[in-house]
Amino acid sequence: TGTHQAAIQELRDMHNITMATLKAHDQQKMLLEEDFDKLRLSLQDQVDTLTFQNQSLRDKAKRFEEALRRSTDEQIIDALAPYQHIVQDLESLKEVVEMKNQQIHRQEKKISDLEKVAQKNVFLEEKVQVLQQQNEDLKARIEMKLALSRQLSEENANLQESVEKESTEKKRLSRNNEELLWRLQTSPLMSPASSPLHRSFSSSPVPSSPCPQQVQYSSPSHRVAANQNLSPGPATPTHRAASNQNYSPGPATPTHRASANRCNSVTCFSSLQR
């Protein structure tokens, strides 16, 4: 029919136009390839772009040729083909957004945990400061107690030293008194009334002696009577023999004077005072 012939002629015209277009594109391609060879070193990015455009044009030409051979439905399908991956892209974007949301949620949780840790650290720092202050107070108290302890120790040492000195002085005075008493006992020429010891002891009272024997040295006859009840004279051999039988020190030593004649010495002083 005439309509069919007209359609065929129209298709031929379109084909010719397409072929002419393709030839033009081929010529442009050749020119682009020549330019590409010339500018390859200096314009590598442009070469890649032109290559991509060339390949796209080829693909487009092929798709266009195939579209001409297909029906209208096939042309529509081919036209919609580039948009078939939109759903997949949307799903991928949703997954990416979900992953980002989860990551943001984890970051927010981490930030919240860090804020809690920071608050806890502030509380712990305040507690540490309080404990440090208490520690300083305890150190100050300990230092005060140590200073007081050192002071008390020094005072105790001074008191002990004073007590030792006083005890030493008392022992020295006691030995001097015993020596004077022994001299008084062993000296028959010194009368009790004219003795300096009698005058010194007359001016100061002497405590009563716990010794049961009291001897009065008012006269030689009294000393003889008293010696009958007491042990022999401190300087006689008889006294030394009697003392040696009891395993006591010698009568002429200070040890014997400190132990054996203590009671007699006090008795002598008491008698002299009377």
C-alpha atoms as a PDB file:
ATOM      1  CA  THR A   1       0.000   0.000   0.000  1.00  0.00           C
ATOM      2  CA  GLY A   2       0.940   3.616  -0.262  1.00  0.00           C
ATOM      3  CA  THR A   3       1.019   4.123   3.494  1.00  0.00           C
ATOM      4  CA  HIS A   4       3.337   1.216   3.945  1.00  0.00           C
ATOM      5  CA  GLN A   5       5.603   2.520   1.248  1.00  0.00           C
ATOM      6  CA  ALA A   6       5.569   5.921   2.854  1.00  0.00           C
ATOM      7  CA  ALA A   7       6.500   4.398   6.212  1.00  0.00           C
ATOM      8  CA  ILE A   8       9.273   2.440   4.615  1.00  0.00           C
ATOM      9  CA  GLN A   9      10.492   5.565   2.872  1.00  0.00           C
ATOM     10  CA  GLU A  10      10.329   7.438   6.130  1.00  0.00           C
ATOM     11  CA  LEU A  11      12.320   4.736   7.841  1.00  0.00           C
ATOM     12  CA  ARG A  12      14.818   4.809   5.045  1.00  0.00           C
ATOM     13  CA  ASP A  13      15.116   8.530   5.362  1.00  0.00           C
ATOM     14  CA  MET A  14      15.591   8.187   9.074  1.00  0.00           C
ATOM     15  CA  HIS A  15      18.103   5.473   8.465  1.00  0.00           C
ATOM     16  CA  ASN A  16      19.937   7.627   6.009  1.00  0.00           C
ATOM     17  CA  ILE A  17      19.880  10.460   8.461  1.00  0.00           C
ATOM     18  CA  THR A  18      21.136   8.137  11.119  1.00  0.00           C
ATOM     19  CA  MET A  19      23.844   6.847   8.869  1.00  0.00           C
ATOM     20  CA  ALA A  20      24.801  10.363   7.994  1.00  0.00           C
ATOM     21  CA  THR A  21      24.838  11.140  11.659  1.00  0.00           C
ATOM     22  CA  LEU A  22      26.966   8.102  12.282  1.00  0.00           C
ATOM     23  CA  LYS A  23      29.326   9.127   9.539  1.00  0.00           C
ATOM     24  CA  ALA A  24      29.503  12.552  11.050  1.00  0.00           C
ATOM     25  CA  HIS A  25      30.164  10.993  14.415  1.00  0.00           C
ATOM     26  CA  ASP A  26      32.822   8.799  12.868  1.00  0.00           C
ATOM     27  CA  GLN A  27      34.482  11.818  11.376  1.00  0.00           C
ATOM     28  CA  GLN A  28      34.191  13.580  14.722  1.00  0.00           C
ATOM     29  CA  LYS A  29      35.620  10.503  16.307  1.00  0.00           C
ATOM     30  CA  MET A  30      38.585  10.569  13.990  1.00  0.00           C
ATOM     31  CA  LEU A  31      39.107  14.200  14.770  1.00  0.00           C
ATOM     32  CA  LEU A  32      38.756  13.503  18.469  1.00  0.00           C
ATOM     33  CA  GLU A  33      41.175  10.622  18.210  1.00  0.00           C
ATOM     34  CA  GLU A  34      43.672  12.861  16.445  1.00  0.00           C
ATOM     35  CA  ASP A  35      43.179  15.511  19.106  1.00  0.00           C
ATOM     36  CA  PHE A  36      43.423  12.806  21.725  1.00  0.00           C
ATOM     37  CA  ASP A  37      46.791  11.683  20.374  1.00  0.00           C
ATOM     38  CA  LYS A  38      48.031  15.251  20.306  1.00  0.00           C
ATOM     39  CA  LEU A  39      46.774  16.222  23.761  1.00  0.00           C
ATOM     40  CA  ARG A  40      47.222  12.865  25.527  1.00  0.00           C
ATOM     41  CA  LEU A  41      50.182  13.953  27.611  1.00  0.00           C
ATOM     42  CA  SER A  42      48.884  17.385  28.589  1.00  0.00           C
ATOM     43  CA  LEU A  43      45.136  16.730  28.815  1.00  0.00           C
ATOM     44  CA  GLN A  44      44.725  13.225  30.182  1.00  0.00           C
ATOM     45  CA  ASP A  45      41.506  14.075  31.959  1.00  0.00           C
ATOM     46  CA  GLN A  46      39.938  15.463  28.807  1.00  0.00           C
ATOM     47  CA  VAL A  47      40.987  12.376  26.896  1.00  0.00           C
ATOM     48  CA  ASP A  48      39.228  10.164  29.410  1.00  0.00           C
ATOM     49  CA  THR A  49      36.115  12.291  29.135  1.00  0.00           C
ATOM     50  CA  LEU A  50      36.122  12.172  25.370  1.00  0.00           C
ATOM     51  CA  THR A  51      36.695   8.443  25.382  1.00  0.00           C
ATOM     52  CA  PHE A  52      33.761   8.022  27.694  1.00  0.00           C
ATOM     53  CA  GLN A  53      31.641  10.234  25.441  1.00  0.00           C
ATOM     54  CA  ASN A  54      32.715   8.269  22.389  1.00  0.00           C
ATOM     55  CA  GLN A  55      31.809   5.008  24.016  1.00  0.00           C
ATOM     56  CA  SER A  56      28.512   6.476  25.149  1.00  0.00           C
ATOM     57  CA  LEU A  57      27.746   7.633  21.663  1.00  0.00           C
ATOM     58  CA  ARG A  58      28.520   4.216  20.309  1.00  0.00           C
ATOM     59  CA  ASP A  59      26.297   2.591  22.858  1.00  0.00           C
ATOM     60  CA  LYS A  60      23.597   5.108  22.168  1.00  0.00           C
ATOM     61  CA  ALA A  61      23.889   4.487  18.440  1.00  0.00           C
ATOM     62  CA  LYS A  62      23.631   0.770  18.966  1.00  0.00           C
ATOM     63  CA  ARG A  63      20.637   1.193  21.265  1.00  0.00           C
ATOM     64  CA  PHE A  64      19.065   3.526  18.749  1.00  0.00           C
ATOM     65  CA  GLU A  65      19.593   1.029  15.947  1.00  0.00           C
ATOM     66  CA  GLU A  66      18.088  -1.723  18.045  1.00  0.00           C
ATOM     67  CA  ALA A  67      15.192   0.530  18.986  1.00  0.00           C
ATOM     68  CA  LEU A  68      14.419   1.080  15.379  1.00  0.00           C
ATOM     69  CA  ARG A  69      14.067  -2.647  14.869  1.00  0.00           C
ATOM     70  CA  ARG A  70      11.838  -3.161  17.810  1.00  0.00           C
ATOM     71  CA  SER A  71       8.283  -2.315  18.491  1.00  0.00           C
ATOM     72  CA  THR A  72       7.049   0.610  20.462  1.00  0.00           C
ATOM     73  CA  ASP A  73       6.791  -1.438  23.672  1.00  0.00           C
ATOM     74  CA  GLU A  74      10.325  -2.616  23.315  1.00  0.00           C
ATOM     75  CA  GLN A  75      11.416   0.952  22.738  1.00  0.00           C
ATOM     76  CA  ILE A  76       9.622   1.987  25.921  1.00  0.00           C
ATOM     77  CA  ILE A  77      11.271  -0.841  27.845  1.00  0.00           C
ATOM     78  CA  ASP A  78      14.643   0.144  26.473  1.00  0.00           C
ATOM     79  CA  ALA A  79      13.937   3.752  27.372  1.00  0.00           C
ATOM     80  CA  LEU A  80      13.068   2.775  30.926  1.00  0.00           C
ATOM     81  CA  ALA A  81      16.013   0.410  31.220  1.00  0.00           C
ATOM     82  CA  PRO A  82      18.327   3.039  32.750  1.00  0.00           C
ATOM     83  CA  TYR A  83      15.788   3.558  35.541  1.00  0.00           C
ATOM     84  CA  GLN A  84      15.403  -0.093  36.509  1.00  0.00           C
ATOM     85  CA  HIS A  85      18.093   0.178  39.209  1.00  0.00           C
ATOM     86  CA  ILE A  86      16.382   3.027  41.022  1.00  0.00           C
ATOM     87  CA  VAL A  87      14.676   0.669  43.485  1.00  0.00           C
ATOM     88  CA  GLN A  88      17.931  -1.104  44.239  1.00  0.00           C
ATOM     89  CA  ASP A  89      19.668   2.226  44.656  1.00  0.00           C
ATOM     90  CA  LEU A  90      16.937   3.333  47.042  1.00  0.00           C
ATOM     91  CA  GLU A  91      17.303   0.137  49.062  1.00  0.00           C
ATOM     92  CA  SER A  92      21.024   0.645  49.178  1.00  0.00           C
ATOM     93  CA  LEU A  93      20.510   4.222  50.307  1.00  0.00           C
ATOM     94  CA  LYS A  94      18.084   3.058  52.990  1.00  0.00           C
ATOM     95  CA  GLU A  95      20.637   0.556  54.247  1.00  0.00           C
ATOM     96  CA  VAL A  96      23.313   3.231  54.277  1.00  0.00           C
ATOM     97  CA  VAL A  97      21.010   5.626  56.154  1.00  0.00           C
ATOM     98  CA  GLU A  98      20.155   2.900  58.657  1.00  0.00           C
ATOM     99  CA  MET A  99      23.824   2.164  59.195  1.00  0.00           C
ATOM    100  CA  LYS A 100      24.489   5.869  59.690  1.00  0.00           C
ATOM    101  CA  ASN A 101      21.611   6.114  62.159  1.00  0.00           C
ATOM    102  CA  GLN A 102      22.950   3.146  64.107  1.00  0.00           C
ATOM    103  CA  GLN A 103      26.404   4.675  64.107  1.00  0.00           C
ATOM    104  CA  ILE A 104      24.988   7.981  65.324  1.00  0.00           C
ATOM    105  CA  HIS A 105      23.053   6.153  68.048  1.00  0.00           C
ATOM    106  CA  ARG A 106      26.231   4.387  69.160  1.00  0.00           C
ATOM    107  CA  GLN A 107      28.102   7.670  69.186  1.00  0.00           C
ATOM    108  CA  GLU A 108      25.365   9.321  71.250  1.00  0.00           C
ATOM    109  CA  LYS A 109      25.424   6.427  73.702  1.00  0.00           C
ATOM    110  CA  LYS A 110      29.193   6.641  73.914  1.00  0.00           C
ATOM    111  CA  ILE A 111      28.980  10.383  74.539  1.00  0.00           C
ATOM    112  CA  SER A 112      26.380   9.780  77.263  1.00  0.00           C
ATOM    113  CA  ASP A 113      28.626   7.189  78.893  1.00  0.00           C
ATOM    114  CA  LEU A 114      31.561   9.582  78.715  1.00  0.00           C
ATOM    115  CA  GLU A 115      29.476  12.317  80.355  1.00  0.00           C
ATOM    116  CA  LYS A 116      28.549   9.923  83.159  1.00  0.00           C
ATOM    117  CA  VAL A 117      32.200   8.967  83.583  1.00  0.00           C
ATOM    118  CA  ALA A 118      33.147  12.659  83.639  1.00  0.00           C
ATOM    119  CA  GLN A 119      30.568  13.360  86.368  1.00  0.00           C
ATOM    120  CA  LYS A 120      31.832  10.380  88.327  1.00  0.00           C
ATOM    121  CA  ASN A 121      35.396  11.617  87.906  1.00  0.00           C
ATOM    122  CA  VAL A 122      34.384  15.038  89.230  1.00  0.00           C
ATOM    123  CA  PHE A 123      32.793  13.391  92.271  1.00  0.00           C
ATOM    124  CA  LEU A 124      35.877  11.236  92.785  1.00  0.00           C
ATOM    125  CA  GLU A 125      38.154  14.266  92.469  1.00  0.00           C
ATOM    126  CA  GLU A 126      36.150  16.095  95.125  1.00  0.00           C
ATOM    127  CA  LYS A 127      36.316  13.021  97.343  1.00  0.00           C
ATOM    128  CA  VAL A 128      40.071  12.781  96.761  1.00  0.00           C
ATOM    129  CA  GLN A 129      40.462  16.425  97.749  1.00  0.00           C
ATOM    130  CA  VAL A 130      38.480  15.795 100.943  1.00  0.00           C
ATOM    131  CA  LEU A 131      40.596  12.731 101.723  1.00  0.00           C
ATOM    132  CA  GLN A 132      43.779  14.678 101.024  1.00  0.00           C
ATOM    133  CA  GLN A 133      42.617  17.423 103.391  1.00  0.00           C
ATOM    134  CA  GLN A 134      41.844  14.811 106.044  1.00  0.00           C
ATOM    135  CA  ASN A 135      45.238  13.254 105.429  1.00  0.00           C
ATOM    136  CA  GLU A 136      46.907  16.641 105.881  1.00  0.00           C
ATOM    137  CA  ASP A 137      44.979  17.172 109.120  1.00  0.00           C
ATOM    138  CA  LEU A 138      46.007  13.730 110.360  1.00  0.00           C
ATOM    139  CA  LYS A 139      49.624  14.444 109.434  1.00  0.00           C
ATOM    140  CA  ALA A 140      49.474  17.724 111.340  1.00  0.00           C
ATOM    141  CA  ARG A 141      47.984  15.959 114.376  1.00  0.00           C
ATOM    142  CA  ILE A 142      50.629  13.239 114.168  1.00  0.00           C
ATOM    143  CA  GLU A 143      53.363  15.858 113.969  1.00  0.00           C
ATOM    144  CA  MET A 144      51.891  17.648 116.986  1.00  0.00           C
ATOM    145  CA  LYS A 145      51.695  14.371 118.895  1.00  0.00           C
ATOM    146  CA  LEU A 146      55.243  13.500 117.886  1.00  0.00           C
ATOM    147  CA  ALA A 147      56.438  16.921 119.022  1.00  0.00           C
ATOM    148  CA  LEU A 148      54.561  16.489 122.305  1.00  0.00           C
ATOM    149  CA  SER A 149      55.979  12.975 122.664  1.00  0.00           C
ATOM    150  CA  ARG A 150      59.500  14.266 122.051  1.00  0.00           C
ATOM    151  CA  GLN A 151      58.922  17.038 124.571  1.00  0.00           C
ATOM    152  CA  LEU A 152      57.604  14.547 127.129  1.00  0.00           C
ATOM    153  CA  SER A 153      60.518  12.228 126.406  1.00  0.00           C
ATOM    154  CA  GLU A 154      62.959  15.073 126.942  1.00  0.00           C
ATOM    155  CA  GLU A 155      61.207  16.062 130.152  1.00  0.00           C
ATOM    156  CA  ASN A 156      61.176  12.424 131.277  1.00  0.00           C
ATOM    157  CA  ALA A 157      64.874  12.126 130.483  1.00  0.00           C
ATOM    158  CA  ASN A 158      65.565  15.325 132.412  1.00  0.00           C
ATOM    159  CA  LEU A 159      63.505  14.049 135.339  1.00  0.00           C
ATOM    160  CA  GLN A 160      65.316  10.710 135.265  1.00  0.00           C
ATOM    161  CA  GLU A 161      68.623  12.517 135.148  1.00  0.00           C
ATOM    162  CA  SER A 162      67.558  14.683 138.084  1.00  0.00           C
ATOM    163  CA  VAL A 163      66.384  11.614 139.996  1.00  0.00           C
ATOM    164  CA  GLU A 164      69.646   9.822 139.262  1.00  0.00           C
ATOM    165  CA  LYS A 165      71.629  12.849 140.352  1.00  0.00           C
ATOM    166  CA  GLU A 166      69.556  13.140 143.506  1.00  0.00           C
ATOM    167  CA  SER A 167      69.928   9.418 144.176  1.00  0.00           C
ATOM    168  CA  THR A 168      73.684   9.653 143.602  1.00  0.00           C
ATOM    169  CA  GLU A 169      73.883  12.633 145.914  1.00  0.00           C
ATOM    170  CA  LYS A 170      71.872  10.788 148.560  1.00  0.00           C
ATOM    171  CA  LYS A 171      74.123   7.758 148.252  1.00  0.00           C
ATOM    172  CA  ARG A 172      77.182   9.972 148.525  1.00  0.00           C
ATOM    173  CA  LEU A 173      75.797  11.717 151.606  1.00  0.00           C
ATOM    174  CA  SER A 174      74.843   8.346 153.082  1.00  0.00           C
ATOM    175  CA  ARG A 175      78.369   7.033 152.540  1.00  0.00           C
ATOM    176  CA  ASN A 176      79.826  10.189 154.074  1.00  0.00           C
ATOM    177  CA  ASN A 177      77.518   9.838 157.067  1.00  0.00           C
ATOM    178  CA  GLU A 178      78.395   6.171 157.489  1.00  0.00           C
ATOM    179  CA  GLU A 179      82.081   6.953 157.204  1.00  0.00           C
ATOM    180  CA  LEU A 180      81.742   9.685 159.810  1.00  0.00           C
ATOM    181  CA  LEU A 181      79.785   7.348 162.058  1.00  0.00           C
ATOM    182  CA  TRP A 182      82.377   4.646 161.651  1.00  0.00           C
ATOM    183  CA  ARG A 183      85.106   7.121 162.512  1.00  0.00           C
ATOM    184  CA  LEU A 184      83.070   8.212 165.487  1.00  0.00           C
ATOM    185  CA  GLN A 185      82.676   4.619 166.647  1.00  0.00           C
ATOM    186  CA  THR A 186      86.326   3.728 166.165  1.00  0.00           C
ATOM    187  CA  SER A 187      87.696   6.899 167.714  1.00  0.00           C
ATOM    188  CA  PRO A 188      87.761   6.482 171.552  1.00  0.00           C
ATOM    189  CA  LEU A 189      89.418   9.868 172.054  1.00  0.00           C
ATOM    190  CA  MET A 190      86.541  11.907 170.593  1.00  0.00           C
ATOM    191  CA  SER A 191      83.790  12.510 173.111  1.00  0.00           C
ATOM    192  CA  PRO A 192      80.259  12.476 171.912  1.00  0.00           C
ATOM    193  CA  ALA A 193      79.451  15.819 173.424  1.00  0.00           C
ATOM    194  CA  SER A 194      82.356  17.641 171.792  1.00  0.00           C
ATOM    195  CA  SER A 195      82.017  15.886 168.411  1.00  0.00           C
ATOM    196  CA  PRO A 196      81.075  18.047 165.454  1.00  0.00           C
ATOM    197  CA  LEU A 197      78.620  15.374 164.432  1.00  0.00           C
ATOM    198  CA  HIS A 198      76.853  15.760 167.741  1.00  0.00           C
ATOM    199  CA  ARG A 199      76.513  19.479 167.183  1.00  0.00           C
ATOM    200  CA  SER A 200      75.286  18.992 163.609  1.00  0.00           C
ATOM    201  CA  PHE A 201      72.784  16.334 164.556  1.00  0.00           C
ATOM    202  CA  SER A 202      71.642  18.368 167.580  1.00  0.00           C
ATOM    203  CA  SER A 203      70.627  21.174 165.227  1.00  0.00           C
ATOM    204  CA  SER A 204      68.669  18.801 162.870  1.00  0.00           C
ATOM    205  CA  PRO A 205      66.331  16.021 164.089  1.00  0.00           C
ATOM    206  CA  VAL A 206      67.175  12.449 163.133  1.00  0.00           C
ATOM    207  CA  PRO A 207      64.392   9.940 162.432  1.00  0.00           C
ATOM    208  CA  SER A 208      63.980   7.094 164.843  1.00  0.00           C
ATOM    209  CA  SER A 209      65.778   3.910 163.864  1.00  0.00           C
ATOM    210  CA  PRO A 210      63.915   0.656 163.191  1.00  0.00           C
ATOM    211  CA  CYS A 211      66.785  -1.253 164.702  1.00  0.00           C
ATOM    212  CA  PRO A 212      65.748  -2.930 167.999  1.00  0.00           C
ATOM    213  CA  GLN A 213      69.058  -2.261 169.713  1.00  0.00           C
ATOM    214  CA  GLN A 214      69.837   1.235 170.972  1.00  0.00           C
ATOM    215  CA  VAL A 215      73.285   1.872 172.435  1.00  0.00           C
ATOM    216  CA  GLN A 216      74.220   4.972 174.396  1.00  0.00           C
ATOM    217  CA  TYR A 217      77.771   6.200 174.114  1.00  0.00           C
ATOM    218  CA  SER A 218      77.596   8.636 176.979  1.00  0.00           C
ATOM    219  CA  SER A 219      80.529   7.079 178.820  1.00  0.00           C
ATOM    220  CA  PRO A 220      83.201   4.379 178.338  1.00  0.00           C
ATOM    221  CA  SER A 221      81.477   2.154 180.887  1.00  0.00           C
ATOM    222  CA  HIS A 222      78.268   2.418 178.921  1.00  0.00           C
ATOM    223  CA  ARG A 223      80.086   1.427 175.733  1.00  0.00           C
ATOM    224  CA  VAL A 224      81.535  -1.587 177.528  1.00  0.00           C
ATOM    225  CA  ALA A 225      78.066  -2.617 178.704  1.00  0.00           C
ATOM    226  CA  ALA A 226      76.664  -2.108 175.282  1.00  0.00           C
ATOM    227  CA  ASN A 227      79.421  -4.100 173.634  1.00  0.00           C
ATOM    228  CA  GLN A 228      78.455  -7.093 175.751  1.00  0.00           C
ATOM    229  CA  ASN A 229      75.050  -7.188 173.982  1.00  0.00           C
ATOM    230  CA  LEU A 230      76.390  -6.293 170.531  1.00  0.00           C
ATOM    231  CA  SER A 231      78.981  -7.791 168.331  1.00  0.00           C
ATOM    232  CA  PRO A 232      82.652  -7.039 168.963  1.00  0.00           C
ATOM    233  CA  GLY A 233      84.175  -3.809 167.787  1.00  0.00           C
ATOM    234  CA  PRO A 234      84.205  -3.206 164.059  1.00  0.00           C
ATOM    235  CA  ALA A 235      87.996  -3.136 163.947  1.00  0.00           C
ATOM    236  CA  THR A 236      88.748  -6.130 166.170  1.00  0.00           C
ATOM    237  CA  PRO A 237      89.797  -9.575 164.911  1.00  0.00           C
ATOM    238  CA  THR A 238      86.927 -11.131 166.806  1.00  0.00           C
ATOM    239  CA  HIS A 239      84.435  -9.052 164.837  1.00  0.00           C
ATOM    240  CA  ARG A 240      86.113  -9.978 161.593  1.00  0.00           C
ATOM    241  CA  ALA A 241      86.012 -13.679 162.477  1.00  0.00           C
ATOM    242  CA  ALA A 242      82.340 -13.506 163.414  1.00  0.00           C
ATOM    243  CA  SER A 243      81.577 -11.619 160.221  1.00  0.00           C
ATOM    244  CA  ASN A 244      83.505 -14.101 158.112  1.00  0.00           C
ATOM    245  CA  GLN A 245      81.481 -16.969 159.553  1.00  0.00           C
ATOM    246  CA  ASN A 246      78.319 -15.297 158.154  1.00  0.00           C
ATOM    247  CA  TYR A 247      80.052 -14.712 154.788  1.00  0.00           C
ATOM    248  CA  SER A 248      79.621 -10.940 155.051  1.00  0.00           C
ATOM    249  CA  PRO A 249      82.174  -8.396 153.793  1.00  0.00           C
ATOM    250  CA  GLY A 250      84.991  -7.197 156.019  1.00  0.00           C
ATOM    251  CA  PRO A 251      84.130  -4.845 158.864  1.00  0.00           C
ATOM    252  CA  ALA A 252      86.486  -2.167 157.637  1.00  0.00           C
ATOM    253  CA  THR A 253      85.042  -1.989 154.110  1.00  0.00           C
ATOM    254  CA  PRO A 254      82.340   0.440 153.003  1.00  0.00           C
ATOM    255  CA  THR A 255      80.138  -2.474 152.032  1.00  0.00           C
ATOM    256  CA  HIS A 256      80.147  -3.788 155.591  1.00  0.00           C
ATOM    257  CA  ARG A 257      79.600  -0.321 156.894  1.00  0.00           C
ATOM    258  CA  ALA A 258      76.647   0.106 154.539  1.00  0.00           C
ATOM    259  CA  SER A 259      75.067  -3.203 155.584  1.00  0.00           C
ATOM    260  CA  ALA A 260      76.079  -4.231 159.121  1.00  0.00           C
ATOM    261  CA  ASN A 261      76.627  -0.909 160.907  1.00  0.00           C
ATOM    262  CA  ARG A 262      73.682   0.954 159.376  1.00  0.00           C
ATOM    263  CA  CYS A 263      71.324   0.161 162.231  1.00  0.00           C
ATOM    264  CA  ASN A 264      74.038   0.699 164.874  1.00  0.00           C
ATOM    265  CA  SER A 265      75.012   3.999 163.251  1.00  0.00           C
ATOM    266  CA  VAL A 266      71.507   5.342 163.377  1.00  0.00           C
ATOM    267  CA  THR A 267      71.216   4.105 166.949  1.00  0.00           C
ATOM    268  CA  CYS A 268      74.439   5.882 167.797  1.00  0.00           C
ATOM    269  CA  PHE A 269      73.160   9.121 166.379  1.00  0.00           C
ATOM    270  CA  SER A 270      69.891   8.723 168.234  1.00  0.00           C
ATOM    271  CA  SER A 271      71.779   8.075 171.458  1.00  0.00           C
ATOM    272  CA  LEU A 272      74.083  11.013 170.880  1.00  0.00           C
ATOM    273  CA  GLN A 273      71.121  13.265 170.214  1.00  0.00           C
ATOM    274  CA  ARG A 274      69.466  12.129 173.420  1.00  0.00           C
END
